[in-house]
PDB file of N, CA and C in Angstrom:
ATOM      1  N   MET A   1     139.076  77.317 117.730  1.00  0.00           N
ATOM      2  CA  MET A   1     139.586  76.917 116.439  1.00  0.00           C
ATOM      3  C   MET A   1     138.432  76.865 115.432  1.00  0.00           C
ATOM      4  N   LEU A   2     138.698  77.343 114.251  1.00  0.00           N
ATOM      5  CA  LEU A   2     137.680  77.352 113.203  1.00  0.00           C
ATOM      6  C   LEU A   2     137.553  75.976 112.556  1.00  0.00           C
ATOM      7  N   PRO A   3     136.334  75.638 112.122  1.00  0.00           N
ATOM      8  CA  PRO A   3     136.203  74.409 111.340  1.00  0.00           C
ATOM      9  C   PRO A   3     137.026  74.532 110.046  1.00  0.00           C
ATOM     10  N   LYS A   4     137.576  73.415 109.579  1.00  0.00           N
ATOM     11  CA  LYS A   4     138.474  73.426 108.424  1.00  0.00           C
ATOM     12  C   LYS A   4     137.829  74.068 107.197  1.00  0.00           C
ATOM     13  N   MET A   5     136.554  73.769 106.945  1.00  0.00           N
ATOM     14  CA  MET A   5     135.900  74.320 105.755  1.00  0.00           C
ATOM     15  C   MET A   5     135.829  75.850 105.830  1.00  0.00           C
ATOM     16  N   LEU A   6     135.481  76.385 106.988  1.00  0.00           N
ATOM     17  CA  LEU A   6     135.420  77.843 107.142  1.00  0.00           C
ATOM     18  C   LEU A   6     136.812  78.455 107.015  1.00  0.00           C
ATOM     19  N   TYR A   7     137.799  77.795 107.615  1.00  0.00           N
ATOM     20  CA  TYR A   7     139.180  78.268 107.533  1.00  0.00           C
ATOM     21  C   TYR A   7     139.651  78.368 106.086  1.00  0.00           C
ATOM     22  N   GLU A   8     139.344  77.369 105.284  1.00  0.00           N
ATOM     23  CA  GLU A   8     139.758  77.360 103.881  1.00  0.00           C
ATOM     24  C   GLU A   8     138.989  78.391 103.050  1.00  0.00           C
ATOM     25  N   LEU A   9     137.773  78.693 103.436  1.00  0.00           N
ATOM     26  CA  LEU A   9     136.949  79.643 102.679  1.00  0.00           C
ATOM     27  C   LEU A   9     137.212  81.108 103.019  1.00  0.00           C
ATOM     28  N   LEU A  10     137.826  81.391 104.159  1.00  0.00           N
ATOM     29  CA  LEU A  10     137.977  82.779 104.610  1.00  0.00           C
ATOM     30  C   LEU A  10     138.591  83.730 103.577  1.00  0.00           C
ATOM     31  N   PRO A  11     139.706  83.389 102.913  1.00  0.00           N
ATOM     32  CA  PRO A  11     140.248  84.361 101.954  1.00  0.00           C
ATOM     33  C   PRO A  11     139.278  84.659 100.807  1.00  0.00           C
ATOM     34  N   TYR A  12     138.511  83.656 100.399  1.00  0.00           N
ATOM     35  CA  TYR A  12     137.545  83.866  99.320  1.00  0.00           C
ATOM     36  C   TYR A  12     136.363  84.699  99.808  1.00  0.00           C
ATOM     37  N   LEU A  13     136.012  84.547 101.072  1.00  0.00           N
ATOM     38  CA  LEU A  13     134.964  85.393 101.646  1.00  0.00           C
ATOM     39  C   LEU A  13     135.433  86.841 101.740  1.00  0.00           C
ATOM     40  N   TYR A  14     136.705  87.037 102.114  1.00  0.00           N
ATOM     41  CA  TYR A  14     137.261  88.390 102.138  1.00  0.00           C
ATOM     42  C   TYR A  14     137.198  89.025 100.749  1.00  0.00           C
ATOM     43  N   LEU A  15     137.609  88.257  99.748  1.00  0.00           N
ATOM     44  CA  LEU A  15     137.601  88.780  98.377  1.00  0.00           C
ATOM     45  C   LEU A  15     136.178  89.082  97.908  1.00  0.00           C
ATOM     46  N   SER A  16     135.239  88.193  98.208  1.00  0.00           N
ATOM     47  CA  SER A  16     133.843  88.402  97.808  1.00  0.00           C
ATOM     48  C   SER A  16     133.245  89.629  98.479  1.00  0.00           C
ATOM     49  N   ALA A  17     133.509  89.777  99.778  1.00  0.00           N
ATOM     50  CA  ALA A  17     132.996  90.949 100.496  1.00  0.00           C
ATOM     51  C   ALA A  17     133.614  92.224  99.940  1.00  0.00           C
ATOM     52  N   GLY A  18     134.887  92.160  99.591  1.00  0.00           N
ATOM     53  CA  GLY A  18     135.550  93.323  99.005  1.00  0.00           C
ATOM     54  C   GLY A  18     134.948  93.706  97.673  1.00  0.00           C
ATOM     55  N   LEU A  19     134.701  92.714  96.843  1.00  0.00           N
ATOM     56  CA  LEU A  19     134.082  92.998  95.545  1.00  0.00           C
ATOM     57  C   LEU A  19     132.653  93.505  95.709  1.00  0.00           C
ATOM     58  N   GLY A  20     131.933  92.940  96.670  1.00  0.00           N
ATOM     59  CA  GLY A  20     130.556  93.372  96.918  1.00  0.00           C
ATOM     60  C   GLY A  20     130.478  94.817  97.398  1.00  0.00           C
ATOM     61  N   GLY A  21     131.514  95.286  98.052  1.00  0.00           N
ATOM     62  CA  GLY A  21     131.524  96.655  98.550  1.00  0.00           C
ATOM     63  C   GLY A  21     131.565  97.706  97.463  1.00  0.00           C
ATOM     64  N   PHE A  22     131.991  97.334  96.266  1.00  0.00           N
ATOM     65  CA  PHE A  22     132.063  98.300  95.173  1.00  0.00           C
ATOM     66  C   PHE A  22     130.679  98.729  94.686  1.00  0.00           C
ATOM     67  N   ILE A  23     129.649  98.005  95.098  1.00  0.00           N
ATOM     68  CA  ILE A  23     128.276  98.361  94.726  1.00  0.00           C
ATOM     69  C   ILE A  23     127.851  99.645  95.434  1.00  0.00           C
ATOM     70  N   ILE A  24     128.332  99.811  96.659  1.00  0.00           N
ATOM     71  CA  ILE A  24     127.946 100.968  97.478  1.00  0.00           C
ATOM     72  C   ILE A  24     128.858 102.146  97.137  1.00  0.00           C
ATOM     73  N   ASN A  25     128.264 103.279  96.901  1.00  0.00           N
ATOM     74  CA  ASN A  25     129.002 104.476  96.489  1.00  0.00           C
ATOM     75  C   ASN A  25     129.389 105.296  97.718  1.00  0.00           C
ATOM     76  N   SER A  26     130.477 104.901  98.367  1.00  0.00           N
ATOM     77  CA  SER A  26     130.949 105.596  99.555  1.00  0.00           C
ATOM     78  C   SER A  26     132.460 105.437  99.643  1.00  0.00           C
ATOM     79  N   ALA A  27     133.137 106.510 100.010  1.00  0.00           N
ATOM     80  CA  ALA A  27     134.595 106.473 100.107  1.00  0.00           C
ATOM     81  C   ALA A  27     135.052 105.517 101.214  1.00  0.00           C
ATOM     82  N   ILE A  28     134.343 105.500 102.332  1.00  0.00           N
ATOM     83  CA  ILE A  28     134.713 104.622 103.446  1.00  0.00           C
ATOM     84  C   ILE A  28     134.545 103.162 103.050  1.00  0.00           C
ATOM     85  N   VAL A  29     133.459 102.846 102.390  1.00  0.00           N
ATOM     86  CA  VAL A  29     133.221 101.466 101.948  1.00  0.00           C
ATOM     87  C   VAL A  29     134.241 101.084 100.880  1.00  0.00           C
ATOM     88  N   PHE A  30     134.616 102.029 100.039  1.00  0.00           N
ATOM     89  CA  PHE A  30     135.632 101.752  99.016  1.00  0.00           C
ATOM     90  C   PHE A  30     136.964 101.373  99.673  1.00  0.00           C
ATOM     91  N   VAL A  31     137.380 102.123 100.684  1.00  0.00           N
ATOM     92  CA  VAL A  31     138.631 101.823 101.394  1.00  0.00           C
ATOM     93  C   VAL A  31     138.528 100.466 102.095  1.00  0.00           C
ATOM     94  N   ALA A  32     137.393 100.197 102.718  1.00  0.00           N
ATOM     95  CA  ALA A  32     137.196  98.916 103.394  1.00  0.00           C
ATOM     96  C   ALA A  32     137.221  97.767 102.383  1.00  0.00           C
ATOM     97  N   SER A  33     136.630  97.979 101.214  1.00  0.00           N
ATOM     98  CA  SER A  33     136.616  96.948 100.172  1.00  0.00           C
ATOM     99  C   SER A  33     138.026  96.645  99.677  1.00  0.00           C
ATOM    100  N   ILE A  34     138.799  97.676  99.445  1.00  0.00           N
ATOM    101  CA  ILE A  34     140.188  97.481  99.017  1.00  0.00           C
ATOM    102  C   ILE A  34     140.968  96.729 100.103  1.00  0.00           C
ATOM    103  N   SER A  35     140.746  97.104 101.361  1.00  0.00           N
ATOM    104  CA  SER A  35     141.432  96.434 102.475  1.00  0.00           C
ATOM    105  C   SER A  35     141.061  94.957 102.547  1.00  0.00           C
ATOM    106  N   LEU A  36     139.786  94.648 102.389  1.00  0.00           N
ATOM    107  CA  LEU A  36     139.345  93.251 102.410  1.00  0.00           C
ATOM    108  C   LEU A  36     139.967  92.461 101.268  1.00  0.00           C
ATOM    109  N   MET A  37     140.003  93.054 100.101  1.00  0.00           N
ATOM    110  CA  MET A  37     140.578  92.357  98.944  1.00  0.00           C
ATOM    111  C   MET A  37     142.076  92.135  99.136  1.00  0.00           C
ATOM    112  N   MET A  38     142.774  93.129  99.636  1.00  0.00           N
ATOM    113  CA  MET A  38     144.215  92.976  99.878  1.00  0.00           C
ATOM    114  C   MET A  38     144.468  91.903 100.940  1.00  0.00           C
ATOM    115  N   THR A  39     143.629  91.863 101.960  1.00  0.00           N
ATOM    116  CA  THR A  39     143.767  90.852 102.995  1.00  0.00           C
ATOM    117  C   THR A  39     143.536  89.458 102.436  1.00  0.00           C
ATOM    118  N   GLY A  40     142.509  89.305 101.602  1.00  0.00           N
ATOM    119  CA  GLY A  40     142.236  88.009 100.988  1.00  0.00           C
ATOM    120  C   GLY A  40     143.392  87.527 100.133  1.00  0.00           C
ATOM    121  N   VAL A  41     143.946  88.421  99.338  1.00  0.00           N
ATOM    122  CA  VAL A  41     145.086  88.058  98.483  1.00  0.00           C
ATOM    123  C   VAL A  41     146.299  87.723  99.336  1.00  0.00           C
ATOM    124  N   LEU A  42     146.551  88.502 100.370  1.00  0.00           N
ATOM    125  CA  LEU A  42     147.694  88.251 101.246  1.00  0.00           C
ATOM    126  C   LEU A  42     147.580  86.891 101.934  1.00  0.00           C
ATOM    127  N   VAL A  43     146.397  86.576 102.430  1.00  0.00           N
ATOM    128  CA  VAL A  43     146.197  85.280 103.087  1.00  0.00           C
ATOM    129  C   VAL A  43     146.416  84.140 102.095  1.00  0.00           C
ATOM    130  N   LEU A  44     145.906  84.293 100.883  1.00  0.00           N
ATOM    131  CA  LEU A  44     146.106  83.246  99.869  1.00  0.00           C
ATOM    132  C   LEU A  44     147.593  83.063  99.557  1.00  0.00           C
ATOM    133  N   ILE A  45     148.310  84.158  99.393  1.00  0.00           N
ATOM    134  CA  ILE A  45     149.744  84.080  99.094  1.00  0.00           C
ATOM    135  C   ILE A  45     150.486  83.415 100.251  1.00  0.00           C
ATOM    136  N   MET A  46     150.154  83.791 101.483  1.00  0.00           N
ATOM    137  CA  MET A  46     150.819  83.200 102.645  1.00  0.00           C
ATOM    138  C   MET A  46     150.544  81.695 102.722  1.00  0.00           C
ATOM    139  N   ARG A  47     149.326  81.298 102.441  1.00  0.00           N
ATOM    140  CA  ARG A  47     148.995  79.869 102.487  1.00  0.00           C
ATOM    141  C   ARG A  47     149.709  79.099 101.386  1.00  0.00           C
ATOM    142  N   ILE A  48     149.764  79.670 100.200  1.00  0.00           N
ATOM    143  CA  ILE A  48     150.461  79.001  99.087  1.00  0.00           C
ATOM    144  C   ILE A  48     151.933  78.827  99.429  1.00  0.00           C
ATOM    145  N   ASN A  49     152.571  79.875  99.924  1.00  0.00           N
ATOM    146  CA  ASN A  49     153.988  79.793 100.287  1.00  0.00           C
ATOM    147  C   ASN A  49     154.222  78.776 101.395  1.00  0.00           C
ATOM    148  N   TYR A  50     153.357  78.762 102.393  1.00  0.00           N
ATOM    149  CA  TYR A  50     153.506  77.814 103.486  1.00  0.00           C
ATOM    150  C   TYR A  50     153.357  76.376 102.981  1.00  0.00           C
ATOM    151  N   ARG A  51     152.347  76.147 102.165  1.00  0.00           N
ATOM    152  CA  ARG A  51     152.111  74.786 101.672  1.00  0.00           C
ATOM    153  C   ARG A  51     153.201  74.333 100.723  1.00  0.00           C
ATOM    154  N   ARG A  52     153.778  75.224  99.967  1.00  0.00           N
ATOM    155  CA  ARG A  52     154.916  74.860  99.118  1.00  0.00           C
ATOM    156  C   ARG A  52     156.107  74.468  99.985  1.00  0.00           C
ATOM    157  N   GLY A  53     156.309  75.185 101.071  1.00  0.00           N
ATOM    158  CA  GLY A  53     157.395  74.869 101.993  1.00  0.00           C
ATOM    159  C   GLY A  53     157.211  73.506 102.636  1.00  0.00           C
ATOM    160  N   ILE A  54     155.977  73.197 102.979  1.00  0.00           N
ATOM    161  CA  ILE A  54     155.681  71.900 103.582  1.00  0.00           C
ATOM    162  C   ILE A  54     155.950  70.787 102.570  1.00  0.00           C
ATOM    163  N   LYS A  55     155.532  70.978 101.332  1.00  0.00           N
ATOM    164  CA  LYS A  55     155.757  69.960 100.300  1.00  0.00           C
ATOM    165  C   LYS A  55     157.241  69.733 100.074  1.00  0.00           C
ATOM    166  N   LYS A  56     158.018  70.827 100.048  1.00  0.00           N
ATOM    167  CA  LYS A  56     159.466  70.686  99.851  1.00  0.00           C
ATOM    168  C   LYS A  56     160.079  69.909 101.001  1.00  0.00           C
ATOM    169  N   TYR A  57     159.608  70.195 102.212  1.00  0.00           N
ATOM    170  CA  TYR A  57     160.168  69.545 103.384  1.00  0.00           C
ATOM    171  C   TYR A  57     159.871  68.028 103.347  1.00  0.00           C
ATOM    172  N   HIS A  58     158.641  67.684 102.995  1.00  0.00           N
ATOM    173  CA  HIS A  58     158.241  66.280 102.997  1.00  0.00           C
ATOM    174  C   HIS A  58     158.801  65.491 101.818  1.00  0.00           C
ATOM    175  N   HIS A  59     159.061  66.145 100.707  1.00  0.00           N
ATOM    176  CA  HIS A  59     159.570  65.448  99.526  1.00  0.00           C
ATOM    177  C   HIS A  59     161.073  65.556  99.384  1.00  0.00           C
ATOM    178  N   GLY A  60     161.721  66.226 100.292  1.00  0.00           N
ATOM    179  CA  GLY A  60     163.170  66.310 100.282  1.00  0.00           C
ATOM    180  C   GLY A  60     163.768  67.211  99.213  1.00  0.00           C
ATOM    181  N   ASN A  61     162.995  68.143  98.661  1.00  0.00           N
ATOM    182  CA  ASN A  61     163.500  69.079  97.643  1.00  0.00           C
ATOM    183  C   ASN A  61     164.179  70.235  98.271  1.00  0.00           C
TER     184      ASN A  61
END
């Protein structure tokens, strides 16, 4: 199991690594950078949706 701080930072690390990849001029790195960024956004969206569901469940909405 990951420490909570690392777990919470992972999507932002994915996004940062993806943005950092644009510095390198290579088609393979470009594809990897796009993949990392899409993964970071997807993880953030999934976490937001999950946490909204938890809040609704606990608050009776």
